[in-house]
Amino acid sequence: MFDKLLEEDERVIALMAEREERGRIKGEVRGKAELLTTIIEIRFPTLAEKAHSKLQHVKRLREFDQLARLVVTAPDENALRWVLDIW
């Protein structure tokens, strides 16, 4: 009885789709944070803890993409430290 109602109610369908999308984005954010942390651990091990701390506060996918570009192009540890300080 309720299943049919839930499947047909437009508001419920929209709400479920919105929650599903939010969950997908959270998963992507978590995955990008883990990947960037790993890259930083490999390239600049002394900055791994600082980077991990900073990445916990990033919530938008676009920010991860921008930060990833800066991480992979950082010429040295000091350059990445500067990026993390101003981020």
PDB file of N, CA and C in Angstrom:
ATOM      1  N   MET A   1       0.825  -1.192   0.000  1.00  0.00           N
ATOM      2  CA  MET A   1       0.000   0.000   0.000  1.00  0.00           C
ATOM      3  C   MET A   1       0.876   1.266   0.000  1.00  0.00           C
ATOM      4  N   PHE A   2       1.750   1.368   0.985  1.00  0.00           N
ATOM      5  CA  PHE A   2       2.604   2.551   1.060  1.00  0.00           C
ATOM      6  C   PHE A   2       3.649   2.562  -0.046  1.00  0.00           C
ATOM      7  N   ASP A   3       4.111   1.384  -0.434  1.00  0.00           N
ATOM      8  CA  ASP A   3       5.113   1.304  -1.496  1.00  0.00           C
ATOM      9  C   ASP A   3       4.618   1.958  -2.778  1.00  0.00           C
ATOM     10  N   LYS A   4       3.391   1.650  -3.137  1.00  0.00           N
ATOM     11  CA  LYS A   4       2.824   2.213  -4.364  1.00  0.00           C
ATOM     12  C   LYS A   4       2.700   3.731  -4.236  1.00  0.00           C
ATOM     13  N   LEU A   5       2.247   4.184  -3.075  1.00  0.00           N
ATOM     14  CA  LEU A   5       2.109   5.622  -2.835  1.00  0.00           C
ATOM     15  C   LEU A   5       3.476   6.309  -2.941  1.00  0.00           C
ATOM     16  N   LEU A   6       4.487   5.714  -2.325  1.00  0.00           N
ATOM     17  CA  LEU A   6       5.829   6.299  -2.364  1.00  0.00           C
ATOM     18  C   LEU A   6       6.397   6.323  -3.772  1.00  0.00           C
ATOM     19  N   GLU A   7       6.118   5.294  -4.550  1.00  0.00           N
ATOM     20  CA  GLU A   7       6.629   5.217  -5.913  1.00  0.00           C
ATOM     21  C   GLU A   7       5.964   6.215  -6.848  1.00  0.00           C
ATOM     22  N   GLU A   8       4.759   6.656  -6.509  1.00  0.00           N
ATOM     23  CA  GLU A   8       4.008   7.529  -7.409  1.00  0.00           C
ATOM     24  C   GLU A   8       3.998   8.996  -6.982  1.00  0.00           C
ATOM     25  N   ASP A   9       4.308   9.275  -5.745  1.00  0.00           N
ATOM     26  CA  ASP A   9       4.260  10.651  -5.247  1.00  0.00           C
ATOM     27  C   ASP A   9       5.463  11.429  -5.782  1.00  0.00           C
ATOM     28  N   GLU A  10       5.194  12.475  -6.532  1.00  0.00           N
ATOM     29  CA  GLU A  10       6.265  13.262  -7.166  1.00  0.00           C
ATOM     30  C   GLU A  10       7.200  13.907  -6.145  1.00  0.00           C
ATOM     31  N   ARG A  11       6.652  14.347  -5.037  1.00  0.00           N
ATOM     32  CA  ARG A  11       7.492  14.967  -4.009  1.00  0.00           C
ATOM     33  C   ARG A  11       8.454  13.947  -3.402  1.00  0.00           C
ATOM     34  N   VAL A  12       7.940  12.755  -3.164  1.00  0.00           N
ATOM     35  CA  VAL A  12       8.780  11.705  -2.596  1.00  0.00           C
ATOM     36  C   VAL A  12       9.865  11.309  -3.596  1.00  0.00           C
ATOM     37  N   ILE A  13       9.490  11.180  -4.847  1.00  0.00           N
ATOM     38  CA  ILE A  13      10.450  10.828  -5.898  1.00  0.00           C
ATOM     39  C   ILE A  13      11.544  11.883  -5.993  1.00  0.00           C
ATOM     40  N   ALA A  14      11.151  13.155  -5.967  1.00  0.00           N
ATOM     41  CA  ALA A  14      12.128  14.249  -6.050  1.00  0.00           C
ATOM     42  C   ALA A  14      13.048  14.255  -4.831  1.00  0.00           C
ATOM     43  N   LEU A  15      12.478  14.046  -3.655  1.00  0.00           N
ATOM     44  CA  LEU A  15      13.271  14.021  -2.429  1.00  0.00           C
ATOM     45  C   LEU A  15      14.269  12.861  -2.447  1.00  0.00           C
ATOM     46  N   MET A  16      13.825  11.703  -2.888  1.00  0.00           N
ATOM     47  CA  MET A  16      14.714  10.542  -2.960  1.00  0.00           C
ATOM     48  C   MET A  16      15.839  10.775  -3.969  1.00  0.00           C
ATOM     49  N   ALA A  17      15.518  11.388  -5.090  1.00  0.00           N
ATOM     50  CA  ALA A  17      16.537  11.681  -6.103  1.00  0.00           C
ATOM     51  C   ALA A  17      17.561  12.678  -5.562  1.00  0.00           C
ATOM     52  N   GLU A  18      17.081  13.677  -4.832  1.00  0.00           N
ATOM     53  CA  GLU A  18      17.976  14.681  -4.254  1.00  0.00           C
ATOM     54  C   GLU A  18      18.920  14.041  -3.236  1.00  0.00           C
ATOM     55  N   ARG A  19      18.380  13.186  -2.394  1.00  0.00           N
ATOM     56  CA  ARG A  19      19.219  12.515  -1.392  1.00  0.00           C
ATOM     57  C   ARG A  19      20.231  11.584  -2.050  1.00  0.00           C
ATOM     58  N   GLU A  20      19.797  10.919  -3.094  1.00  0.00           N
ATOM     59  CA  GLU A  20      20.698  10.038  -3.829  1.00  0.00           C
ATOM     60  C   GLU A  20      21.857  10.837  -4.434  1.00  0.00           C
ATOM     61  N   GLU A  21      21.539  11.987  -5.005  1.00  0.00           N
ATOM     62  CA  GLU A  21      22.567  12.844  -5.613  1.00  0.00           C
ATOM     63  C   GLU A  21      23.535  13.365  -4.548  1.00  0.00           C
ATOM     64  N   ARG A  22      23.000  13.769  -3.396  1.00  0.00           N
ATOM     65  CA  ARG A  22      23.866  14.236  -2.311  1.00  0.00           C
ATOM     66  C   ARG A  22      24.811  13.130  -1.845  1.00  0.00           C
ATOM     67  N   GLY A  23      24.289  11.930  -1.762  1.00  0.00           N
ATOM     68  CA  GLY A  23      25.121  10.793  -1.371  1.00  0.00           C
ATOM     69  C   GLY A  23      26.213  10.514  -2.387  1.00  0.00           C
ATOM     70  N   ARG A  24      25.873  10.633  -3.661  1.00  0.00           N
ATOM     71  CA  ARG A  24      26.856  10.419  -4.723  1.00  0.00           C
ATOM     72  C   ARG A  24      27.972  11.456  -4.628  1.00  0.00           C
ATOM     73  N   ILE A  25      27.588  12.707  -4.426  1.00  0.00           N
ATOM     74  CA  ILE A  25      28.578  13.784  -4.331  1.00  0.00           C
ATOM     75  C   ILE A  25      29.466  13.591  -3.101  1.00  0.00           C
ATOM     76  N   LYS A  26      28.866  13.220  -1.971  1.00  0.00           N
ATOM     77  CA  LYS A  26      29.675  12.973  -0.771  1.00  0.00           C
ATOM     78  C   LYS A  26      30.692  11.868  -1.022  1.00  0.00           C
ATOM     79  N   GLY A  27      30.273  10.840  -1.731  1.00  0.00           N
ATOM     80  CA  GLY A  27      31.187   9.749  -2.063  1.00  0.00           C
ATOM     81  C   GLY A  27      32.321  10.215  -2.957  1.00  0.00           C
ATOM     82  N   GLU A  28      31.996  11.055  -3.930  1.00  0.00           N
ATOM     83  CA  GLU A  28      33.037  11.597  -4.819  1.00  0.00           C
ATOM     84  C   GLU A  28      34.017  12.471  -4.043  1.00  0.00           C
ATOM     85  N   VAL A  29      33.483  13.304  -3.161  1.00  0.00           N
ATOM     86  CA  VAL A  29      34.331  14.177  -2.345  1.00  0.00           C
ATOM     87  C   VAL A  29      35.272  13.328  -1.497  1.00  0.00           C
ATOM     88  N   ARG A  30      34.739  12.298  -0.861  1.00  0.00           N
ATOM     89  CA  ARG A  30      35.558  11.424  -0.023  1.00  0.00           C
ATOM     90  C   ARG A  30      36.648  10.747  -0.859  1.00  0.00           C
ATOM     91  N   GLY A  31      36.281  10.277  -2.028  1.00  0.00           N
ATOM     92  CA  GLY A  31      37.251   9.611  -2.900  1.00  0.00           C
ATOM     93  C   GLY A  31      38.352  10.542  -3.366  1.00  0.00           C
ATOM     94  N   LYS A  32      37.974  11.768  -3.736  1.00  0.00           N
ATOM     95  CA  LYS A  32      38.985  12.734  -4.181  1.00  0.00           C
ATOM     96  C   LYS A  32      39.901  13.138  -3.028  1.00  0.00           C
ATOM     97  N   ALA A  33      39.342  13.271  -1.836  1.00  0.00           N
ATOM     98  CA  ALA A  33      40.164  13.609  -0.669  1.00  0.00           C
ATOM     99  C   ALA A  33      41.182  12.508  -0.400  1.00  0.00           C
ATOM    100  N   GLU A  34      40.745  11.258  -0.483  1.00  0.00           N
ATOM    101  CA  GLU A  34      41.665  10.139  -0.258  1.00  0.00           C
ATOM    102  C   GLU A  34      42.754  10.097  -1.328  1.00  0.00           C
ATOM    103  N   LEU A  35      42.367  10.316  -2.568  1.00  0.00           N
ATOM    104  CA  LEU A  35      43.344  10.290  -3.662  1.00  0.00           C
ATOM    105  C   LEU A  35      44.376  11.408  -3.511  1.00  0.00           C
ATOM    106  N   LEU A  36      43.907  12.618  -3.230  1.00  0.00           N
ATOM    107  CA  LEU A  36      44.843  13.737  -3.062  1.00  0.00           C
ATOM    108  C   LEU A  36      45.761  13.517  -1.868  1.00  0.00           C
ATOM    109  N   THR A  37      45.216  12.974  -0.795  1.00  0.00           N
ATOM    110  CA  THR A  37      46.042  12.680   0.375  1.00  0.00           C
ATOM    111  C   THR A  37      47.140  11.692   0.011  1.00  0.00           C
ATOM    112  N   THR A  38      46.797  10.675  -0.743  1.00  0.00           N
ATOM    113  CA  THR A  38      47.781   9.677  -1.165  1.00  0.00           C
ATOM    114  C   THR A  38      48.857  10.300  -2.048  1.00  0.00           C
ATOM    115  N   ILE A  39      48.448  11.135  -2.986  1.00  0.00           N
ATOM    116  CA  ILE A  39      49.416  11.792  -3.874  1.00  0.00           C
ATOM    117  C   ILE A  39      50.382  12.652  -3.066  1.00  0.00           C
ATOM    118  N   ILE A  40      49.840  13.401  -2.119  1.00  0.00           N
ATOM    119  CA  ILE A  40      50.691  14.266  -1.293  1.00  0.00           C
ATOM    120  C   ILE A  40      51.613  13.424  -0.413  1.00  0.00           C
ATOM    121  N   GLU A  41      51.094  12.327   0.140  1.00  0.00           N
ATOM    122  CA  GLU A  41      51.938  11.445   0.959  1.00  0.00           C
ATOM    123  C   GLU A  41      53.124  10.914   0.157  1.00  0.00           C
ATOM    124  N   ILE A  42      52.894  10.626  -1.112  1.00  0.00           N
ATOM    125  CA  ILE A  42      53.964  10.093  -1.961  1.00  0.00           C
ATOM    126  C   ILE A  42      54.954  11.190  -2.360  1.00  0.00           C
ATOM    127  N   ARG A  43      54.437  12.339  -2.786  1.00  0.00           N
ATOM    128  CA  ARG A  43      55.327  13.404  -3.278  1.00  0.00           C
ATOM    129  C   ARG A  43      56.000  14.175  -2.153  1.00  0.00           C
ATOM    130  N   PHE A  44      55.238  14.495  -1.121  1.00  0.00           N
ATOM    131  CA  PHE A  44      55.744  15.340  -0.038  1.00  0.00           C
ATOM    132  C   PHE A  44      55.302  14.770   1.311  1.00  0.00           C
ATOM    133  N   PRO A  45      55.932  13.701   1.771  1.00  0.00           N
ATOM    134  CA  PRO A  45      55.498  13.012   2.990  1.00  0.00           C
ATOM    135  C   PRO A  45      55.400  13.914   4.222  1.00  0.00           C
ATOM    136  N   THR A  46      56.259  14.911   4.310  1.00  0.00           N
ATOM    137  CA  THR A  46      56.233  15.771   5.499  1.00  0.00           C
ATOM    138  C   THR A  46      54.993  16.659   5.547  1.00  0.00           C
ATOM    139  N   LEU A  47      54.301  16.802   4.426  1.00  0.00           N
ATOM    140  CA  LEU A  47      53.096  17.634   4.389  1.00  0.00           C
ATOM    141  C   LEU A  47      51.806  16.813   4.453  1.00  0.00           C
ATOM    142  N   ALA A  48      51.927  15.512   4.582  1.00  0.00           N
ATOM    143  CA  ALA A  48      50.749  14.639   4.527  1.00  0.00           C
ATOM    144  C   ALA A  48      49.723  14.969   5.609  1.00  0.00           C
ATOM    145  N   GLU A  49      50.177  15.159   6.825  1.00  0.00           N
ATOM    146  CA  GLU A  49      49.251  15.435   7.925  1.00  0.00           C
ATOM    147  C   GLU A  49      48.551  16.782   7.735  1.00  0.00           C
ATOM    148  N   LYS A  50      49.315  17.783   7.360  1.00  0.00           N
ATOM    149  CA  LYS A  50      48.742  19.113   7.124  1.00  0.00           C
ATOM    150  C   LYS A  50      47.725  19.057   5.987  1.00  0.00           C
ATOM    151  N   ALA A  51      48.067  18.358   4.921  1.00  0.00           N
ATOM    152  CA  ALA A  51      47.166  18.240   3.773  1.00  0.00           C
ATOM    153  C   ALA A  51      45.888  17.511   4.165  1.00  0.00           C
ATOM    154  N   HIS A  52      46.032  16.430   4.907  1.00  0.00           N
ATOM    155  CA  HIS A  52      44.858  15.671   5.342  1.00  0.00           C
ATOM    156  C   HIS A  52      43.919  16.562   6.147  1.00  0.00           C
ATOM    157  N   SER A  53      44.480  17.348   7.039  1.00  0.00           N
ATOM    158  CA  SER A  53      43.681  18.262   7.853  1.00  0.00           C
ATOM    159  C   SER A  53      42.943  19.284   6.986  1.00  0.00           C
ATOM    160  N   LYS A  54      43.636  19.859   6.020  1.00  0.00           N
ATOM    161  CA  LYS A  54      43.023  20.851   5.125  1.00  0.00           C
ATOM    162  C   LYS A  54      41.941  20.224   4.255  1.00  0.00           C
ATOM    163  N   LEU A  55      42.198  19.029   3.754  1.00  0.00           N
ATOM    164  CA  LEU A  55      41.258  18.383   2.834  1.00  0.00           C
ATOM    165  C   LEU A  55      39.950  18.000   3.516  1.00  0.00           C
ATOM    166  N   GLN A  56      39.960  17.864   4.824  1.00  0.00           N
ATOM    167  CA  GLN A  56      38.731  17.531   5.544  1.00  0.00           C
ATOM    168  C   GLN A  56      37.700  18.656   5.463  1.00  0.00           C
ATOM    169  N   HIS A  57      38.157  19.855   5.169  1.00  0.00           N
ATOM    170  CA  HIS A  57      37.256  21.010   5.127  1.00  0.00           C
ATOM    171  C   HIS A  57      36.780  21.356   3.717  1.00  0.00           C
ATOM    172  N   VAL A  58      37.322  20.705   2.719  1.00  0.00           N
ATOM    173  CA  VAL A  58      36.912  20.958   1.336  1.00  0.00           C
ATOM    174  C   VAL A  58      35.644  20.158   1.062  1.00  0.00           C
ATOM    175  N   LYS A  59      34.613  20.814   0.555  1.00  0.00           N
ATOM    176  CA  LYS A  59      33.325  20.148   0.342  1.00  0.00           C
ATOM    177  C   LYS A  59      32.864  20.164  -1.108  1.00  0.00           C
ATOM    178  N   ARG A  60      33.485  20.993  -1.939  1.00  0.00           N
ATOM    179  CA  ARG A  60      33.041  21.092  -3.339  1.00  0.00           C
ATOM    180  C   ARG A  60      34.011  20.385  -4.268  1.00  0.00           C
ATOM    181  N   LEU A  61      33.445  19.664  -5.208  1.00  0.00           N
ATOM    182  CA  LEU A  61      34.260  18.902  -6.154  1.00  0.00           C
ATOM    183  C   LEU A  61      35.194  19.801  -6.948  1.00  0.00           C
ATOM    184  N   ARG A  62      34.723  20.973  -7.327  1.00  0.00           N
ATOM    185  CA  ARG A  62      35.540  21.901  -8.114  1.00  0.00           C
ATOM    186  C   ARG A  62      36.804  22.305  -7.352  1.00  0.00           C
ATOM    187  N   GLU A  63      36.675  22.478  -6.040  1.00  0.00           N
ATOM    188  CA  GLU A  63      37.844  22.831  -5.232  1.00  0.00           C
ATOM    189  C   GLU A  63      38.888  21.716  -5.256  1.00  0.00           C
ATOM    190  N   PHE A  64      38.418  20.468  -5.203  1.00  0.00           N
ATOM    191  CA  PHE A  64      39.357  19.343  -5.268  1.00  0.00           C
ATOM    192  C   PHE A  64      40.091  19.329  -6.596  1.00  0.00           C
ATOM    193  N   ASP A  65      39.373  19.604  -7.666  1.00  0.00           N
ATOM    194  CA  ASP A  65      40.007  19.616  -8.986  1.00  0.00           C
ATOM    195  C   ASP A  65      41.071  20.710  -9.070  1.00  0.00           C
ATOM    196  N   GLN A  66      40.745  21.886  -8.546  1.00  0.00           N
ATOM    197  CA  GLN A  66      41.714  22.986  -8.556  1.00  0.00           C
ATOM    198  C   GLN A  66      42.929  22.643  -7.695  1.00  0.00           C
ATOM    199  N   LEU A  67      42.663  22.108  -6.531  1.00  0.00           N
ATOM    200  CA  LEU A  67      43.750  21.753  -5.624  1.00  0.00           C
ATOM    201  C   LEU A  67      44.611  20.631  -6.207  1.00  0.00           C
ATOM    202  N   ALA A  68      43.989  19.686  -6.877  1.00  0.00           N
ATOM    203  CA  ALA A  68      44.740  18.585  -7.501  1.00  0.00           C
ATOM    204  C   ALA A  68      45.725  19.122  -8.529  1.00  0.00           C
ATOM    205  N   ARG A  69      45.294  20.083  -9.317  1.00  0.00           N
ATOM    206  CA  ARG A  69      46.195  20.675 -10.313  1.00  0.00           C
ATOM    207  C   ARG A  69      47.403  21.328  -9.638  1.00  0.00           C
ATOM    208  N   LEU A  70      47.137  22.009  -8.531  1.00  0.00           N
ATOM    209  CA  LEU A  70      48.229  22.665  -7.813  1.00  0.00           C
ATOM    210  C   LEU A  70      49.167  21.643  -7.174  1.00  0.00           C
ATOM    211  N   VAL A  71      48.605  20.564  -6.667  1.00  0.00           N
ATOM    212  CA  VAL A  71      49.422  19.532  -6.023  1.00  0.00           C
ATOM    213  C   VAL A  71      50.343  18.857  -7.030  1.00  0.00           C
ATOM    214  N   VAL A  72      49.800  18.466  -8.161  1.00  0.00           N
ATOM    215  CA  VAL A  72      50.632  17.719  -9.120  1.00  0.00           C
ATOM    216  C   VAL A  72      51.624  18.609  -9.858  1.00  0.00           C
ATOM    217  N   THR A  73      51.391  19.902  -9.864  1.00  0.00           N
ATOM    218  CA  THR A  73      52.330  20.802 -10.546  1.00  0.00           C
ATOM    219  C   THR A  73      53.263  21.536  -9.585  1.00  0.00           C
ATOM    220  N   ALA A  74      53.089  21.319  -8.284  1.00  0.00           N
ATOM    221  CA  ALA A  74      53.956  21.988  -7.305  1.00  0.00           C
ATOM    222  C   ALA A  74      55.403  21.561  -7.543  1.00  0.00           C
ATOM    223  N   PRO A  75      56.293  22.531  -7.752  1.00  0.00           N
ATOM    224  CA  PRO A  75      57.680  22.181  -8.059  1.00  0.00           C
ATOM    225  C   PRO A  75      58.451  21.629  -6.861  1.00  0.00           C
ATOM    226  N   ASP A  76      58.015  22.010  -5.653  1.00  0.00           N
ATOM    227  CA  ASP A  76      58.721  21.524  -4.469  1.00  0.00           C
ATOM    228  C   ASP A  76      57.809  21.618  -3.246  1.00  0.00           C
ATOM    229  N   GLU A  77      58.340  21.159  -2.133  1.00  0.00           N
ATOM    230  CA  GLU A  77      57.572  21.125  -0.894  1.00  0.00           C
ATOM    231  C   GLU A  77      57.153  22.517  -0.430  1.00  0.00           C
ATOM    232  N   ASN A  78      58.027  23.491  -0.572  1.00  0.00           N
ATOM    233  CA  ASN A  78      57.698  24.853  -0.142  1.00  0.00           C
ATOM    234  C   ASN A  78      56.531  25.424  -0.933  1.00  0.00           C
ATOM    235  N   ALA A  79      56.480  25.124  -2.210  1.00  0.00           N
ATOM    236  CA  ALA A  79      55.372  25.610  -3.036  1.00  0.00           C
ATOM    237  C   ALA A  79      54.052  24.998  -2.570  1.00  0.00           C
ATOM    238  N   LEU A  80      54.061  23.708  -2.290  1.00  0.00           N
ATOM    239  CA  LEU A  80      52.824  23.068  -1.826  1.00  0.00           C
ATOM    240  C   LEU A  80      52.457  23.546  -0.429  1.00  0.00           C
ATOM    241  N   ARG A  81      53.438  23.766   0.421  1.00  0.00           N
ATOM    242  CA  ARG A  81      53.161  24.294   1.762  1.00  0.00           C
ATOM    243  C   ARG A  81      52.462  25.652   1.644  1.00  0.00           C
ATOM    244  N   TRP A  82      52.941  26.484   0.743  1.00  0.00           N
ATOM    245  CA  TRP A  82      52.319  27.797   0.515  1.00  0.00           C
ATOM    246  C   TRP A  82      50.871  27.622   0.060  1.00  0.00           C
ATOM    247  N   VAL A  83      50.638  26.709  -0.874  1.00  0.00           N
ATOM    248  CA  VAL A  83      49.272  26.447  -1.361  1.00  0.00           C
ATOM    249  C   VAL A  83      48.379  26.031  -0.197  1.00  0.00           C
ATOM    250  N   LEU A  84      48.853  25.113   0.619  1.00  0.00           N
ATOM    251  CA  LEU A  84      48.044  24.635   1.747  1.00  0.00           C
ATOM    252  C   LEU A  84      47.805  25.735   2.778  1.00  0.00           C
ATOM    253  N   ASP A  85      48.772  26.616   2.948  1.00  0.00           N
ATOM    254  CA  ASP A  85      48.609  27.718   3.906  1.00  0.00           C
ATOM    255  C   ASP A  85      47.530  28.702   3.477  1.00  0.00           C
ATOM    256  N   ILE A  86      47.437  28.961   2.175  1.00  0.00           N
ATOM    257  CA  ILE A  86      46.453  29.953   1.729  1.00  0.00           C
ATOM    258  C   ILE A  86      45.104  29.334   1.377  1.00  0.00           C
ATOM    259  N   TRP A  87      45.033  28.012   1.282  1.00  0.00           N
ATOM    260  CA  TRP A  87      43.798  27.353   0.864  1.00  0.00           C
ATOM    261  C   TRP A  87      42.752  27.492   1.913  1.00  0.00           C
TER     262      TRP A  87
END
